[in-house]
Amino acid sequence: MKLATTILFLFTLCLLKVDSKIQFPTVNVYSHLPGQFGQPNTLICHVSHFHPPDISIELMKNGKEMRDAIESDLSFEKTWQFHLTKHVQFTPSKDDQYACRVTHSTTPSKYIDWDSNM
């Protein structure tokens, strides 16, 4: 009886298996408004299509984290691919470099620079 219960339990787990393939994140860095130096704006980093959900996003100014950034709730699609957005208010300057640093369990940290012409 114990063996039958174990087999039934394992069979049920197989039926409920979620297709959770490892997916590398897609990263997009952009601003809410067209990039104009000296004008207030919002810097946005959107990370999507990743699995597993272990991820961190940091918005950077000249290599240092921008502390007032706000992160959305982690969301997922039917395919169990996740997406997450982080944004912060900023006033771009010609002398400053802005970027998004994404650290995901599948890859080393990567920096994506913000381009004011996007």
C-alpha atoms as a PDB file:
ATOM      1  CA  MET A   1       0.000   0.000   0.000  1.00  0.00           C
ATOM      2  CA  LYS A   2       2.814   2.387   0.870  1.00  0.00           C
ATOM      3  CA  LEU A   3       4.500   1.689  -2.496  1.00  0.00           C
ATOM      4  CA  ALA A   4       1.251   2.358  -4.391  1.00  0.00           C
ATOM      5  CA  THR A   5       0.766   5.675  -2.571  1.00  0.00           C
ATOM      6  CA  THR A   6       4.343   6.719  -3.373  1.00  0.00           C
ATOM      7  CA  ILE A   7       3.932   5.814  -7.045  1.00  0.00           C
ATOM      8  CA  LEU A   8       0.637   7.716  -7.222  1.00  0.00           C
ATOM      9  CA  PHE A   9       2.268  10.740  -5.581  1.00  0.00           C
ATOM     10  CA  LEU A  10       5.202  10.694  -8.049  1.00  0.00           C
ATOM     11  CA  PHE A  11       2.824  10.268 -10.991  1.00  0.00           C
ATOM     12  CA  THR A  12       0.792  13.276  -9.815  1.00  0.00           C
ATOM     13  CA  LEU A  13       3.979  15.368  -9.561  1.00  0.00           C
ATOM     14  CA  CYS A  14       4.868  14.434 -13.134  1.00  0.00           C
ATOM     15  CA  LEU A  15       1.444  15.567 -14.333  1.00  0.00           C
ATOM     16  CA  LEU A  16       1.796  18.879 -12.522  1.00  0.00           C
ATOM     17  CA  LYS A  17       5.318  19.510 -13.804  1.00  0.00           C
ATOM     18  CA  VAL A  18       5.775  23.092 -14.965  1.00  0.00           C
ATOM     19  CA  ASP A  19       7.845  23.660 -18.081  1.00  0.00           C
ATOM     20  CA  SER A  20      10.466  25.822 -16.397  1.00  0.00           C
ATOM     21  CA  LYS A  21      13.426  25.982 -18.733  1.00  0.00           C
ATOM     22  CA  ILE A  22      16.279  28.286 -17.849  1.00  0.00           C
ATOM     23  CA  GLN A  23      15.861  31.566 -19.731  1.00  0.00           C
ATOM     24  CA  PHE A  24      18.387  34.393 -19.867  1.00  0.00           C
ATOM     25  CA  PRO A  25      16.929  37.858 -19.199  1.00  0.00           C
ATOM     26  CA  THR A  26      16.191  40.409 -21.909  1.00  0.00           C
ATOM     27  CA  VAL A  27      17.104  43.909 -20.667  1.00  0.00           C
ATOM     28  CA  ASN A  28      15.778  47.239 -21.979  1.00  0.00           C
ATOM     29  CA  VAL A  29      16.978  50.592 -20.590  1.00  0.00           C
ATOM     30  CA  TYR A  30      15.152  53.723 -21.641  1.00  0.00           C
ATOM     31  CA  SER A  31      13.710  56.993 -20.361  1.00  0.00           C
ATOM     32  CA  HIS A  32      10.064  57.960 -20.121  1.00  0.00           C
ATOM     33  CA  LEU A  33      10.612  61.116 -22.167  1.00  0.00           C
ATOM     34  CA  PRO A  34      13.155  61.718 -24.944  1.00  0.00           C
ATOM     35  CA  GLY A  35      16.594  62.247 -23.402  1.00  0.00           C
ATOM     36  CA  GLN A  36      17.331  65.949 -22.944  1.00  0.00           C
ATOM     37  CA  PHE A  37      20.188  67.021 -20.714  1.00  0.00           C
ATOM     38  CA  GLY A  38      19.098  69.229 -17.823  1.00  0.00           C
ATOM     39  CA  GLN A  39      15.431  68.168 -18.074  1.00  0.00           C
ATOM     40  CA  PRO A  40      13.776  65.983 -15.365  1.00  0.00           C
ATOM     41  CA  ASN A  41      12.951  62.502 -16.601  1.00  0.00           C
ATOM     42  CA  THR A  42      12.444  58.903 -15.469  1.00  0.00           C
ATOM     43  CA  LEU A  43      15.084  56.226 -16.069  1.00  0.00           C
ATOM     44  CA  ILE A  44      13.513  52.791 -16.600  1.00  0.00           C
ATOM     45  CA  CYS A  45      15.020  49.308 -16.697  1.00  0.00           C
ATOM     46  CA  HIS A  46      12.666  46.553 -17.855  1.00  0.00           C
ATOM     47  CA  VAL A  47      13.879  42.959 -17.563  1.00  0.00           C
ATOM     48  CA  SER A  48      11.808  40.213 -19.150  1.00  0.00           C
ATOM     49  CA  HIS A  49      11.633  36.600 -20.341  1.00  0.00           C
ATOM     50  CA  PHE A  50      13.784  35.132 -17.583  1.00  0.00           C
ATOM     51  CA  HIS A  51      13.609  32.014 -15.442  1.00  0.00           C
ATOM     52  CA  PRO A  52      14.287  31.232 -12.622  1.00  0.00           C
ATOM     53  CA  PRO A  53      13.052  34.348 -10.819  1.00  0.00           C
ATOM     54  CA  ASP A  54      16.279  34.968  -8.847  1.00  0.00           C
ATOM     55  CA  ILE A  55      17.318  38.387 -10.146  1.00  0.00           C
ATOM     56  CA  SER A  56      18.454  41.813  -8.986  1.00  0.00           C
ATOM     57  CA  ILE A  57      18.230  45.098 -10.871  1.00  0.00           C
ATOM     58  CA  GLU A  58      20.214  48.209 -10.003  1.00  0.00           C
ATOM     59  CA  LEU A  59      19.982  51.575 -11.722  1.00  0.00           C
ATOM     60  CA  MET A  60      23.426  53.142 -11.813  1.00  0.00           C
ATOM     61  CA  LYS A  61      24.792  56.681 -12.124  1.00  0.00           C
ATOM     62  CA  ASN A  62      28.538  56.852 -12.776  1.00  0.00           C
ATOM     63  CA  GLY A  63      28.952  53.296 -11.460  1.00  0.00           C
ATOM     64  CA  LYS A  64      27.069  53.880  -8.184  1.00  0.00           C
ATOM     65  CA  GLU A  65      23.575  52.657  -7.374  1.00  0.00           C
ATOM     66  CA  MET A  66      20.790  55.238  -7.502  1.00  0.00           C
ATOM     67  CA  ARG A  67      19.117  54.703  -4.122  1.00  0.00           C
ATOM     68  CA  ASP A  68      15.615  56.113  -4.702  1.00  0.00           C
ATOM     69  CA  ALA A  69      14.669  53.602  -7.396  1.00  0.00           C
ATOM     70  CA  ILE A  70      11.285  51.877  -7.213  1.00  0.00           C
ATOM     71  CA  GLU A  71      10.840  48.253  -8.270  1.00  0.00           C
ATOM     72  CA  SER A  72       7.622  46.709  -9.557  1.00  0.00           C
ATOM     73  CA  ASP A  73       6.253  43.420  -8.291  1.00  0.00           C
ATOM     74  CA  LEU A  74       7.676  40.322  -9.931  1.00  0.00           C
ATOM     75  CA  SER A  75       5.223  39.094 -12.578  1.00  0.00           C
ATOM     76  CA  PHE A  76       5.112  36.010 -14.735  1.00  0.00           C
ATOM     77  CA  GLU A  77       3.487  34.754 -17.900  1.00  0.00           C
ATOM     78  CA  LYS A  78       1.796  31.431 -18.667  1.00  0.00           C
ATOM     79  CA  THR A  79       5.165  30.097 -19.803  1.00  0.00           C
ATOM     80  CA  TRP A  80       6.682  30.796 -16.353  1.00  0.00           C
ATOM     81  CA  GLN A  81       8.916  33.480 -17.785  1.00  0.00           C
ATOM     82  CA  PHE A  82       9.209  36.392 -15.391  1.00  0.00           C
ATOM     83  CA  HIS A  83       9.451  40.158 -15.856  1.00  0.00           C
ATOM     84  CA  LEU A  84      10.359  43.029 -13.555  1.00  0.00           C
ATOM     85  CA  THR A  85      10.751  46.803 -13.929  1.00  0.00           C
ATOM     86  CA  LYS A  86      12.705  49.339 -11.904  1.00  0.00           C
ATOM     87  CA  HIS A  87      12.596  53.121 -12.351  1.00  0.00           C
ATOM     88  CA  VAL A  88      13.954  56.301 -10.789  1.00  0.00           C
ATOM     89  CA  GLN A  89      13.528  60.036 -11.315  1.00  0.00           C
ATOM     90  CA  PHE A  90      16.662  61.710 -12.700  1.00  0.00           C
ATOM     91  CA  THR A  91      17.901  64.792 -14.500  1.00  0.00           C
ATOM     92  CA  PRO A  92      20.457  63.684 -17.071  1.00  0.00           C
ATOM     93  CA  SER A  93      23.721  65.549 -17.502  1.00  0.00           C
ATOM     94  CA  LYS A  94      26.295  65.262 -20.333  1.00  0.00           C
ATOM     95  CA  ASP A  95      28.983  64.371 -17.805  1.00  0.00           C
ATOM     96  CA  ASP A  96      27.068  61.478 -16.211  1.00  0.00           C
ATOM     97  CA  GLN A  97      26.785  57.849 -17.309  1.00  0.00           C
ATOM     98  CA  TYR A  98      23.544  55.964 -16.581  1.00  0.00           C
ATOM     99  CA  ALA A  99      23.112  52.207 -16.757  1.00  0.00           C
ATOM    100  CA  CYS A 100      21.146  49.243 -15.519  1.00  0.00           C
ATOM    101  CA  ARG A 101      23.034  46.381 -13.844  1.00  0.00           C
ATOM    102  CA  VAL A 102      21.217  43.054 -13.934  1.00  0.00           C
ATOM    103  CA  THR A 103      22.372  40.058 -11.936  1.00  0.00           C
ATOM    104  CA  HIS A 104      20.567  36.816 -12.734  1.00  0.00           C
ATOM    105  CA  SER A 105      21.329  33.325 -11.496  1.00  0.00           C
ATOM    106  CA  THR A 106      22.045  32.164 -15.083  1.00  0.00           C
ATOM    107  CA  THR A 107      24.638  34.801 -16.038  1.00  0.00           C
ATOM    108  CA  PRO A 108      27.270  37.116 -14.546  1.00  0.00           C
ATOM    109  CA  SER A 109      26.185  40.704 -13.890  1.00  0.00           C
ATOM    110  CA  LYS A 110      25.778  42.736 -17.031  1.00  0.00           C
ATOM    111  CA  TYR A 111      25.550  46.485 -17.571  1.00  0.00           C
ATOM    112  CA  ILE A 112      23.248  47.997 -20.176  1.00  0.00           C
ATOM    113  CA  ASP A 113      23.911  51.718 -20.771  1.00  0.00           C
ATOM    114  CA  TRP A 114      21.167  54.276 -21.214  1.00  0.00           C
ATOM    115  CA  ASP A 115      21.404  56.097 -24.518  1.00  0.00           C
ATOM    116  CA  SER A 116      19.917  59.607 -24.502  1.00  0.00           C
ATOM    117  CA  ASN A 117      19.135  59.255 -28.230  1.00  0.00           C
ATOM    118  CA  MET A 118      16.759  56.308 -27.809  1.00  0.00           C
END
